Amino acid sequence: MISYFRANKTVQPYPTMTLADVTAQFEKQAAQASGLNNTFKFQLDEGTVYLDFTGDEPVVHNEDKEADCTITMSLDTMEKLRKGELNPMVAAMTGKVKIKGDMALAMKLREIMGG
């Protein structure tokens, strides 16, 4: 892994998460989500994570399918959001996060975005 030096400290660069990491975290957190009855797609630089809450059990996979709400961002941005280092509204307003579809649905995802 490449790192860089700052004030005599080694700092690991972003992203340290992979698509597999993000998918696994969403699988774990989707099982605990309630009140969602829609489909969501996260378009990341490594690929897609698709979340389907329309059935009896949530389904998470990496197929690129149409969704009610599509959220596009880098893995770096995803990690910063999950760690609380970046405010979701600031990310959206600065173009680091792009939302296609219903913005209200994207706001509902807050319960599964957290760590």
Protein backbone atom coordinates (compact mmCIF):
# COMPACT_ATOMS: atom_id res chain seq x y z
CA MET A 1 0.00 0.00 0.00
CA ILE A 2 1.29 3.45 -0.88
CA SER A 3 1.41 6.00 1.89
CA TYR A 4 2.61 9.56 2.20
CA PHE A 5 4.26 11.47 5.02
CA ARG A 6 2.85 14.46 6.87
CA ALA A 7 4.50 16.02 9.93
CA ASN A 8 6.53 12.86 10.59
CA LYS A 9 3.41 10.67 10.52
CA THR A 10 2.58 8.09 7.93
CA VAL A 11 -0.98 8.61 6.69
CA GLN A 12 -2.74 5.89 4.71
CA PRO A 13 -4.42 7.25 1.58
CA TYR A 14 -8.08 6.75 0.75
CA PRO A 15 -9.71 4.52 -0.25
CA THR A 16 -8.97 1.63 2.02
CA MET A 17 -12.41 0.11 1.42
CA THR A 18 -13.10 -2.14 -1.53
CA LEU A 19 -16.36 -2.88 -3.33
CA ALA A 20 -16.48 -6.22 -1.47
CA ASP A 21 -16.12 -4.37 1.87
CA VAL A 22 -18.94 -1.97 1.03
CA THR A 23 -21.19 -4.80 -0.16
CA ALA A 24 -20.56 -6.82 3.02
CA GLN A 25 -21.31 -3.81 5.23
CA PHE A 26 -24.54 -3.09 3.38
CA GLU A 27 -25.59 -6.75 3.69
CA LYS A 28 -25.10 -6.61 7.45
CA GLN A 29 -26.81 -3.25 7.90
CA ALA A 30 -29.68 -3.87 5.45
CA ALA A 31 -30.93 -6.71 7.62
CA GLN A 32 -31.46 -4.19 10.43
CA ALA A 33 -33.11 -1.49 8.30
CA SER A 34 -36.83 -0.90 8.59
CA GLY A 35 -39.34 1.28 6.80
CA LEU A 36 -37.76 0.96 3.36
CA ASN A 37 -39.72 -0.50 0.45
CA ASN A 38 -37.63 0.65 -2.50
CA THR A 39 -34.56 -0.18 -4.55
CA PHE A 40 -31.27 1.72 -4.36
CA LYS A 41 -28.11 1.60 -6.43
CA PHE A 42 -24.71 2.87 -5.33
CA GLN A 43 -22.54 3.54 -8.36
CA LEU A 44 -18.95 3.49 -7.07
CA ASP A 45 -15.63 3.67 -8.90
CA GLU A 46 -15.08 -0.10 -8.48
CA GLY A 47 -18.64 -1.09 -9.45
CA THR A 48 -22.22 -1.20 -8.25
CA VAL A 49 -23.92 -2.13 -5.00
CA TYR A 50 -27.67 -2.74 -5.44
CA LEU A 51 -30.03 -2.81 -2.45
CA ASP A 52 -33.55 -4.19 -2.84
CA PHE A 53 -35.95 -3.68 0.06
CA THR A 54 -39.13 -4.61 -1.84
CA GLY A 55 -39.34 -8.25 -0.69
CA ASP A 56 -39.74 -9.94 2.66
CA GLU A 57 -35.96 -9.83 3.21
CA PRO A 58 -33.53 -7.19 1.92
CA VAL A 59 -31.30 -8.30 -0.97
CA VAL A 60 -27.85 -6.82 -1.60
CA HIS A 61 -25.78 -7.68 -4.68
CA ASN A 62 -23.45 -6.17 -7.27
CA GLU A 63 -25.66 -6.35 -10.37
CA ASP A 64 -26.15 -3.09 -12.26
CA LYS A 65 -29.95 -2.79 -12.42
CA GLU A 66 -32.43 0.08 -12.57
CA ALA A 67 -33.30 1.46 -9.13
CA ASP A 68 -35.72 3.93 -7.57
CA CYS A 69 -32.73 5.98 -6.38
CA THR A 70 -29.16 5.93 -7.74
CA ILE A 71 -26.34 7.44 -5.71
CA THR A 72 -23.00 7.99 -7.43
CA MET A 73 -19.78 8.62 -5.51
CA SER A 74 -16.20 7.42 -5.15
CA LEU A 75 -15.10 4.82 -2.62
CA ASP A 76 -13.11 7.60 -0.97
CA THR A 77 -16.30 9.63 -0.45
CA MET A 78 -18.20 6.55 0.76
CA GLU A 79 -15.54 5.87 3.39
CA LYS A 80 -15.48 9.49 4.56
CA LEU A 81 -19.29 9.48 4.88
CA ARG A 82 -19.26 6.23 6.86
CA LYS A 83 -16.55 7.52 9.22
CA GLY A 84 -18.39 10.81 9.76
CA GLU A 85 -15.55 12.79 8.17
CA LEU A 86 -17.85 14.24 5.51
CA ASN A 87 -21.36 15.65 5.94
CA PRO A 88 -23.83 14.08 3.46
CA MET A 89 -25.44 17.42 2.60
CA VAL A 90 -22.05 19.06 1.97
CA ALA A 91 -21.04 16.07 -0.18
CA ALA A 92 -24.20 16.44 -2.29
CA MET A 93 -23.90 20.21 -2.58
CA THR A 94 -20.24 20.03 -3.67
CA GLY A 95 -20.89 17.30 -6.25
CA LYS A 96 -19.01 14.55 -4.42
CA VAL A 97 -22.33 12.68 -4.21
CA LYS A 98 -24.80 12.73 -7.09
CA ILE A 99 -28.37 11.53 -6.62
CA LYS A 100 -30.62 10.46 -9.46
CA GLY A 101 -34.22 9.84 -8.51
CA ASP A 102 -36.10 10.70 -5.34
CA MET A 103 -33.95 12.74 -2.92
CA ALA A 104 -36.26 11.80 -0.04
CA LEU A 105 -35.40 8.13 -0.62
CA ALA A 106 -31.70 8.94 -0.42
CA MET A 107 -32.31 10.58 2.96
CA LYS A 108 -33.93 7.36 4.23
CA LEU A 109 -30.67 5.52 3.64
CA ARG A 110 -29.05 7.33 6.55
CA GLU A 111 -30.02 4.46 8.88
CA ILE A 112 -27.96 1.95 6.89
CA MET A 113 -25.12 4.26 5.88
CA GLY A 114 -23.75 4.57 9.39
CA GLY A 115 -21.06 2.29 10.71
